[in-house]
Structures are given as structure tokens and as C-alpha cells.
């Protein structure tokens, strides 16, 4: 999995996280009210889907546990 953010990104093994799929790009997209939603782009078929969950304001990736 590849996570892409505004100022950073990172990759993880999808098998280590329940509910996430491999061969995908996960990204946030902000609406006009500055709420962000997470989306998944499937590399196999080019499909983009919004994932369920609450919207967030100005979300960013955490840095804990990364080398």
C-alpha cells in the first residue's frame, strides 16, 4: 500500500492491516469546507472509492514508529 499526503507519504504491507488492500494507493482529498476524506485507488482496475468513516479537518500522517 502507498499512502500519499500533501507533504509526505509512506508504504506499508497490506497483509499487516485488516480491511486494507494491497496494490492500492490511499489518499486524502479535501472539500471546500476544509474537511478531508480518505480514498482508495485500485491499481488493477483504476477504480477510486471513498472509504467509510468520519470526515476530518486538516488531517496528517503521524510519524511515530517510522525509521
PDB file of N, CA and C in Angstrom:
ATOM      1  N   UNK A   1       0.846  -1.172   0.000  1.00  0.00           N
ATOM      2  CA  UNK A   1       0.000   0.000   0.000  1.00  0.00           C
ATOM      3  C   UNK A   1       0.883   1.224   0.000  1.00  0.00           C
ATOM      4  N   UNK A   2       0.440   2.225  -0.711  1.00  0.00           N
ATOM      5  CA  UNK A   2       1.141   3.503  -0.738  1.00  0.00           C
ATOM      6  C   UNK A   2       0.184   4.561  -0.216  1.00  0.00           C
ATOM      7  N   UNK A   3       0.600   5.288   0.805  1.00  0.00           N
ATOM      8  CA  UNK A   3      -0.171   6.396   1.343  1.00  0.00           C
ATOM      9  C   UNK A   3       0.480   7.685   0.861  1.00  0.00           C
ATOM     10  N   UNK A   4      -0.331   8.573   0.305  1.00  0.00           N
ATOM     11  CA  UNK A   4       0.182   9.820  -0.250  1.00  0.00           C
ATOM     12  C   UNK A   4      -0.464  10.984   0.492  1.00  0.00           C
ATOM     13  N   UNK A   5       0.361  11.867   1.048  1.00  0.00           N
ATOM     14  CA  UNK A   5      -0.126  13.049   1.749  1.00  0.00           C
ATOM     15  C   UNK A   5       0.384  14.303   1.067  1.00  0.00           C
ATOM     16  N   UNK A   6      -0.018  15.456   1.574  1.00  0.00           N
ATOM     17  CA  UNK A   6       0.372  16.730   0.988  1.00  0.00           C
ATOM     18  C   UNK A   6       1.881  16.947   1.082  1.00  0.00           C
ATOM     19  N   UNK A   7       2.490  16.626   2.219  1.00  0.00           N
ATOM     20  CA  UNK A   7       3.915  16.873   2.408  1.00  0.00           C
ATOM     21  C   UNK A   7       4.741  15.607   2.596  1.00  0.00           C
ATOM     22  N   UNK A   8       4.094  14.456   2.663  1.00  0.00           N
ATOM     23  CA  UNK A   8       4.826  13.216   2.874  1.00  0.00           C
ATOM     24  C   UNK A   8       3.992  12.025   2.440  1.00  0.00           C
ATOM     25  N   UNK A   9       4.610  10.876   2.376  1.00  0.00           N
ATOM     26  CA  UNK A   9       3.940   9.638   2.054  1.00  0.00           C
ATOM     27  C   UNK A   9       4.714   8.484   2.655  1.00  0.00           C
ATOM     28  N   UNK A  10       4.136   7.299   2.629  1.00  0.00           N
ATOM     29  CA  UNK A  10       4.828   6.123   3.129  1.00  0.00           C
ATOM     30  C   UNK A  10       4.160   4.873   2.585  1.00  0.00           C
ATOM     31  N   UNK A  11       4.833   3.754   2.709  1.00  0.00           N
ATOM     32  CA  UNK A  11       4.268   2.489   2.252  1.00  0.00           C
ATOM     33  C   UNK A  11       4.234   1.501   3.407  1.00  0.00           C
ATOM     34  N   UNK A  12       3.277   0.583   3.346  1.00  0.00           N
ATOM     35  CA  UNK A  12       3.091  -0.457   4.347  1.00  0.00           C
ATOM     36  C   UNK A  12       2.680  -1.741   3.651  1.00  0.00           C
ATOM     37  N   UNK A  13       2.808  -2.855   4.341  1.00  0.00           N
ATOM     38  CA  UNK A  13       2.347  -4.139   3.824  1.00  0.00           C
ATOM     39  C   UNK A  13       0.867  -4.299   4.176  1.00  0.00           C
ATOM     40  N   UNK A  14      -0.006  -4.422   3.185  1.00  0.00           N
ATOM     41  CA  UNK A  14      -1.447  -4.513   3.414  1.00  0.00           C
ATOM     42  C   UNK A  14      -1.821  -5.729   4.257  1.00  0.00           C
ATOM     43  N   UNK A  15      -1.056  -6.810   4.155  1.00  0.00           N
ATOM     44  CA  UNK A  15      -1.360  -8.023   4.912  1.00  0.00           C
ATOM     45  C   UNK A  15      -1.286  -7.801   6.416  1.00  0.00           C
ATOM     46  N   UNK A  16      -0.602  -6.755   6.854  1.00  0.00           N
ATOM     47  CA  UNK A  16      -0.456  -6.460   8.282  1.00  0.00           C
ATOM     48  C   UNK A  16      -1.630  -5.666   8.863  1.00  0.00           C
ATOM     49  N   UNK A  17      -2.598  -5.242   8.030  1.00  0.00           N
ATOM     50  CA  UNK A  17      -3.680  -4.378   8.480  1.00  0.00           C
ATOM     51  C   UNK A  17      -5.022  -4.879   7.951  1.00  0.00           C
ATOM     52  N   UNK A  18      -5.897  -5.293   8.871  1.00  0.00           N
ATOM     53  CA  UNK A  18      -7.226  -5.782   8.490  1.00  0.00           C
ATOM     54  C   UNK A  18      -8.020  -4.689   7.783  1.00  0.00           C
ATOM     55  N   UNK A  19      -8.683  -5.044   6.710  1.00  0.00           N
ATOM     56  CA  UNK A  19      -9.548  -4.111   5.994  1.00  0.00           C
ATOM     57  C   UNK A  19      -8.871  -3.293   4.919  1.00  0.00           C
ATOM     58  N   UNK A  20      -7.541  -3.350   4.821  1.00  0.00           N
ATOM     59  CA  UNK A  20      -6.842  -2.612   3.777  1.00  0.00           C
ATOM     60  C   UNK A  20      -6.399  -3.577   2.689  1.00  0.00           C
ATOM     61  N   UNK A  21      -6.310  -3.093   1.479  1.00  0.00           N
ATOM     62  CA  UNK A  21      -5.982  -3.922   0.326  1.00  0.00           C
ATOM     63  C   UNK A  21      -4.607  -3.584  -0.220  1.00  0.00           C
ATOM     64  N   UNK A  22      -3.931  -4.586  -0.721  1.00  0.00           N
ATOM     65  CA  UNK A  22      -2.665  -4.368  -1.391  1.00  0.00           C
ATOM     66  C   UNK A  22      -2.892  -3.858  -2.799  1.00  0.00           C
ATOM     67  N   UNK A  23      -1.824  -3.426  -3.449  1.00  0.00           N
ATOM     68  CA  UNK A  23      -1.861  -2.911  -4.815  1.00  0.00           C
ATOM     69  C   UNK A  23      -2.806  -1.715  -4.947  1.00  0.00           C
ATOM     70  N   UNK A  24      -2.821  -0.877  -3.896  1.00  0.00           N
ATOM     71  CA  UNK A  24      -3.697   0.293  -3.860  1.00  0.00           C
ATOM     72  C   UNK A  24      -2.915   1.511  -3.394  1.00  0.00           C
ATOM     73  N   UNK A  25      -3.433   2.671  -3.757  1.00  0.00           N
ATOM     74  CA  UNK A  25      -2.925   3.946  -3.262  1.00  0.00           C
ATOM     75  C   UNK A  25      -4.033   4.556  -2.416  1.00  0.00           C
ATOM     76  N   UNK A  26      -3.704   4.938  -1.179  1.00  0.00           N
ATOM     77  CA  UNK A  26      -4.658   5.585  -0.286  1.00  0.00           C
ATOM     78  C   UNK A  26      -4.296   7.065  -0.217  1.00  0.00           C
ATOM     79  N   UNK A  27      -5.316   7.926  -0.327  1.00  0.00           N
ATOM     80  CA  UNK A  27      -5.029   9.358  -0.303  1.00  0.00           C
ATOM     81  C   UNK A  27      -6.192  10.126   0.309  1.00  0.00           C
ATOM     82  N   UNK A  28      -5.884  11.315   0.811  1.00  0.00           N
ATOM     83  CA  UNK A  28      -6.892  12.214   1.347  1.00  0.00           C
ATOM     84  C   UNK A  28      -7.218  13.269   0.304  1.00  0.00           C
ATOM     85  N   UNK A  29      -8.469  13.678   0.282  1.00  0.00           N
ATOM     86  CA  UNK A  29      -8.904  14.760  -0.595  1.00  0.00           C
ATOM     87  C   UNK A  29      -9.747  15.708   0.247  1.00  0.00           C
ATOM     88  N   UNK A  30      -9.437  17.006   0.153  1.00  0.00           N
ATOM     89  CA  UNK A  30     -10.176  17.999   0.927  1.00  0.00           C
ATOM     90  C   UNK A  30     -11.304  18.592   0.102  1.00  0.00           C
ATOM     91  N   UNK A  31     -12.438  18.872   0.780  1.00  0.00           N
ATOM     92  CA  UNK A  31     -13.532  19.557   0.102  1.00  0.00           C
ATOM     93  C   UNK A  31     -13.430  21.063   0.370  1.00  0.00           C
ATOM     94  N   UNK A  32     -14.393  21.807  -0.083  1.00  0.00           N
ATOM     95  CA  UNK A  32     -14.325  23.270   0.053  1.00  0.00           C
ATOM     96  C   UNK A  32     -14.454  23.748   1.495  1.00  0.00           C
ATOM     97  N   UNK A  33     -14.967  22.901   2.378  1.00  0.00           N
ATOM     98  CA  UNK A  33     -15.102  23.271   3.791  1.00  0.00           C
ATOM     99  C   UNK A  33     -13.872  22.834   4.597  1.00  0.00           C
ATOM    100  N   UNK A  34     -12.795  22.473   3.903  1.00  0.00           N
ATOM    101  CA  UNK A  34     -11.543  22.022   4.523  1.00  0.00           C
ATOM    102  C   UNK A  34     -11.703  20.745   5.338  1.00  0.00           C
ATOM    103  N   UNK A  35     -12.659  19.907   4.955  1.00  0.00           N
ATOM    104  CA  UNK A  35     -12.772  18.573   5.541  1.00  0.00           C
ATOM    105  C   UNK A  35     -12.069  17.613   4.602  1.00  0.00           C
ATOM    106  N   UNK A  36     -11.393  16.630   5.150  1.00  0.00           N
ATOM    107  CA  UNK A  36     -10.703  15.677   4.281  1.00  0.00           C
ATOM    108  C   UNK A  36     -11.331  14.294   4.418  1.00  0.00           C
ATOM    109  N   UNK A  37     -11.338  13.576   3.330  1.00  0.00           N
ATOM    110  CA  UNK A  37     -11.894  12.237   3.249  1.00  0.00           C
ATOM    111  C   UNK A  37     -10.814  11.325   2.689  1.00  0.00           C
ATOM    112  N   UNK A  38     -10.832  10.051   3.082  1.00  0.00           N
ATOM    113  CA  UNK A  38      -9.827   9.124   2.580  1.00  0.00           C
ATOM    114  C   UNK A  38     -10.421   8.320   1.415  1.00  0.00           C
ATOM    115  N   UNK A  39      -9.590   8.141   0.396  1.00  0.00           N
ATOM    116  CA  UNK A  39      -9.984   7.422  -0.812  1.00  0.00           C
ATOM    117  C   UNK A  39      -8.977   6.310  -1.086  1.00  0.00           C
ATOM    118  N   UNK A  40      -9.432   5.313  -1.848  1.00  0.00           N
ATOM    119  CA  UNK A  40      -8.565   4.219  -2.258  1.00  0.00           C
ATOM    120  C   UNK A  40      -8.594   4.129  -3.788  1.00  0.00           C
ATOM    121  N   UNK A  41      -7.413   4.119  -4.400  1.00  0.00           N
ATOM    122  CA  UNK A  41      -7.266   3.923  -5.842  1.00  0.00           C
ATOM    123  C   UNK A  41      -6.714   2.524  -6.055  1.00  0.00           C
ATOM    124  N   UNK A  42      -7.468   1.682  -6.766  1.00  0.00           N
ATOM    125  CA  UNK A  42      -7.037   0.317  -7.048  1.00  0.00           C
ATOM    126  C   UNK A  42      -6.214   0.300  -8.331  1.00  0.00           C
ATOM    127  N   UNK A  43      -4.971  -0.138  -8.215  1.00  0.00           N
ATOM    128  CA  UNK A  43      -4.063  -0.158  -9.359  1.00  0.00           C
ATOM    129  C   UNK A  43      -4.543  -1.124 -10.444  1.00  0.00           C
ATOM    130  N   UNK A  44      -5.187  -2.224 -10.061  1.00  0.00           N
ATOM    131  CA  UNK A  44      -5.594  -3.245 -11.020  1.00  0.00           C
ATOM    132  C   UNK A  44      -6.616  -2.744 -12.033  1.00  0.00           C
ATOM    133  N   UNK A  45      -7.619  -1.984 -11.562  1.00  0.00           N
ATOM    134  CA  UNK A  45      -8.698  -1.574 -12.465  1.00  0.00           C
ATOM    135  C   UNK A  45      -8.906  -0.064 -12.543  1.00  0.00           C
ATOM    136  N   UNK A  46      -8.085   0.721 -11.825  1.00  0.00           N
ATOM    137  CA  UNK A  46      -8.191   2.175 -11.872  1.00  0.00           C
ATOM    138  C   UNK A  46      -9.391   2.739 -11.133  1.00  0.00           C
ATOM    139  N   UNK A  47     -10.065   1.915 -10.330  1.00  0.00           N
ATOM    140  CA  UNK A  47     -11.245   2.356  -9.597  1.00  0.00           C
ATOM    141  C   UNK A  47     -10.845   3.184  -8.378  1.00  0.00           C
ATOM    142  N   UNK A  48     -11.576   4.283  -8.158  1.00  0.00           N
ATOM    143  CA  UNK A  48     -11.378   5.120  -6.977  1.00  0.00           C
ATOM    144  C   UNK A  48     -12.652   5.058  -6.154  1.00  0.00           C
ATOM    145  N   UNK A  49     -12.503   4.846  -4.845  1.00  0.00           N
ATOM    146  CA  UNK A  49     -13.670   4.819  -3.974  1.00  0.00           C
ATOM    147  C   UNK A  49     -13.388   5.574  -2.686  1.00  0.00           C
ATOM    148  N   UNK A  50     -14.417   6.275  -2.192  1.00  0.00           N
ATOM    149  CA  UNK A  50     -14.312   6.930  -0.892  1.00  0.00           C
ATOM    150  C   UNK A  50     -14.543   5.874   0.174  1.00  0.00           C
ATOM    151  N   UNK A  51     -13.699   5.844   1.168  1.00  0.00           N
ATOM    152  CA  UNK A  51     -13.827   4.858   2.229  1.00  0.00           C
ATOM    153  C   UNK A  51     -14.734   5.385   3.333  1.00  0.00           C
ATOM    154  N   UNK A  52     -15.488   4.494   3.979  1.00  0.00           N
ATOM    155  CA  UNK A  52     -16.378   4.948   5.050  1.00  0.00           C
ATOM    156  C   UNK A  52     -15.587   5.466   6.236  1.00  0.00           C
ATOM    157  N   UNK A  53     -16.177   6.392   6.937  1.00  0.00           N
ATOM    158  CA  UNK A  53     -15.539   6.957   8.119  1.00  0.00           C
ATOM    159  C   UNK A  53     -15.874   8.426   8.219  1.00  0.00           C
ATOM    160  N   UNK A  54     -15.580   9.010   9.363  1.00  0.00           N
ATOM    161  CA  UNK A  54     -15.878  10.437   9.546  1.00  0.00           C
ATOM    162  C   UNK A  54     -14.932  11.311   8.733  1.00  0.00           C
ATOM    163  N   UNK A  55     -15.409  12.490   8.381  1.00  0.00           N
ATOM    164  CA  UNK A  55     -14.503  13.452   7.747  1.00  0.00           C
ATOM    165  C   UNK A  55     -13.612  14.036   8.831  1.00  0.00           C
ATOM    166  N   UNK A  56     -12.462  14.529   8.428  1.00  0.00           N
ATOM    167  CA  UNK A  56     -11.504  15.085   9.379  1.00  0.00           C
ATOM    168  C   UNK A  56     -11.065  16.457   8.905  1.00  0.00           C
ATOM    169  N   UNK A  57     -10.701  17.310   9.822  1.00  0.00           N
ATOM    170  CA  UNK A  57     -10.178  18.630   9.476  1.00  0.00           C
ATOM    171  C   UNK A  57      -8.651  18.577   9.509  1.00  0.00           C
ATOM    172  N   UNK A  58      -8.026  18.991   8.425  1.00  0.00           N
ATOM    173  CA  UNK A  58      -6.572  19.140   8.349  1.00  0.00           C
ATOM    174  C   UNK A  58      -5.819  17.928   8.879  1.00  0.00           C
ATOM    175  N   UNK A  59      -6.171  16.751   8.398  1.00  0.00           N
ATOM    176  CA  UNK A  59      -5.500  15.544   8.880  1.00  0.00           C
ATOM    177  C   UNK A  59      -4.086  15.442   8.294  1.00  0.00           C
ATOM    178  N   UNK A  60      -3.246  14.705   8.983  1.00  0.00           N
ATOM    179  CA  UNK A  60      -1.878  14.487   8.535  1.00  0.00           C
ATOM    180  C   UNK A  60      -1.417  13.148   9.043  1.00  0.00           C
ATOM    181  N   UNK A  61      -0.360  12.623   8.486  1.00  0.00           N
ATOM    182  CA  UNK A  61       0.182  11.336   8.911  1.00  0.00           C
ATOM    183  C   UNK A  61       0.952  11.527  10.202  1.00  0.00           C
ATOM    184  N   UNK A  62       0.874  10.533  11.076  1.00  0.00           N
ATOM    185  CA  UNK A  62       1.687  10.523  12.285  1.00  0.00           C
ATOM    186  C   UNK A  62       3.077   9.997  11.968  1.00  0.00           C
ATOM    187  N   UNK A  63       4.059  10.371  12.738  1.00  0.00           N
ATOM    188  CA  UNK A  63       5.421   9.941  12.482  1.00  0.00           C
ATOM    189  C   UNK A  63       5.920   8.880  13.441  1.00  0.00           C
ATOM    190  N   UNK A  64       5.109   8.484  14.399  1.00  0.00           N
ATOM    191  CA  UNK A  64       5.560   7.530  15.410  1.00  0.00           C
ATOM    192  C   UNK A  64       5.824   6.161  14.793  1.00  0.00           C
ATOM    193  N   UNK A  65       6.924   5.566  15.189  1.00  0.00           N
ATOM    194  CA  UNK A  65       7.227   4.187  14.794  1.00  0.00           C
ATOM    195  C   UNK A  65       7.878   4.034  13.447  1.00  0.00           C
ATOM    196  N   UNK A  66       8.161   5.121  12.762  1.00  0.00           N
ATOM    197  CA  UNK A  66       8.825   5.026  11.471  1.00  0.00           C
ATOM    198  C   UNK A  66      10.317   5.277  11.646  1.00  0.00           C
ATOM    199  N   UNK A  67      11.121   4.619  10.800  1.00  0.00           N
ATOM    200  CA  UNK A  67      12.576   4.818  10.837  1.00  0.00           C
ATOM    201  C   UNK A  67      12.968   6.019  10.025  1.00  0.00           C
TER     202      UNK A  67
END
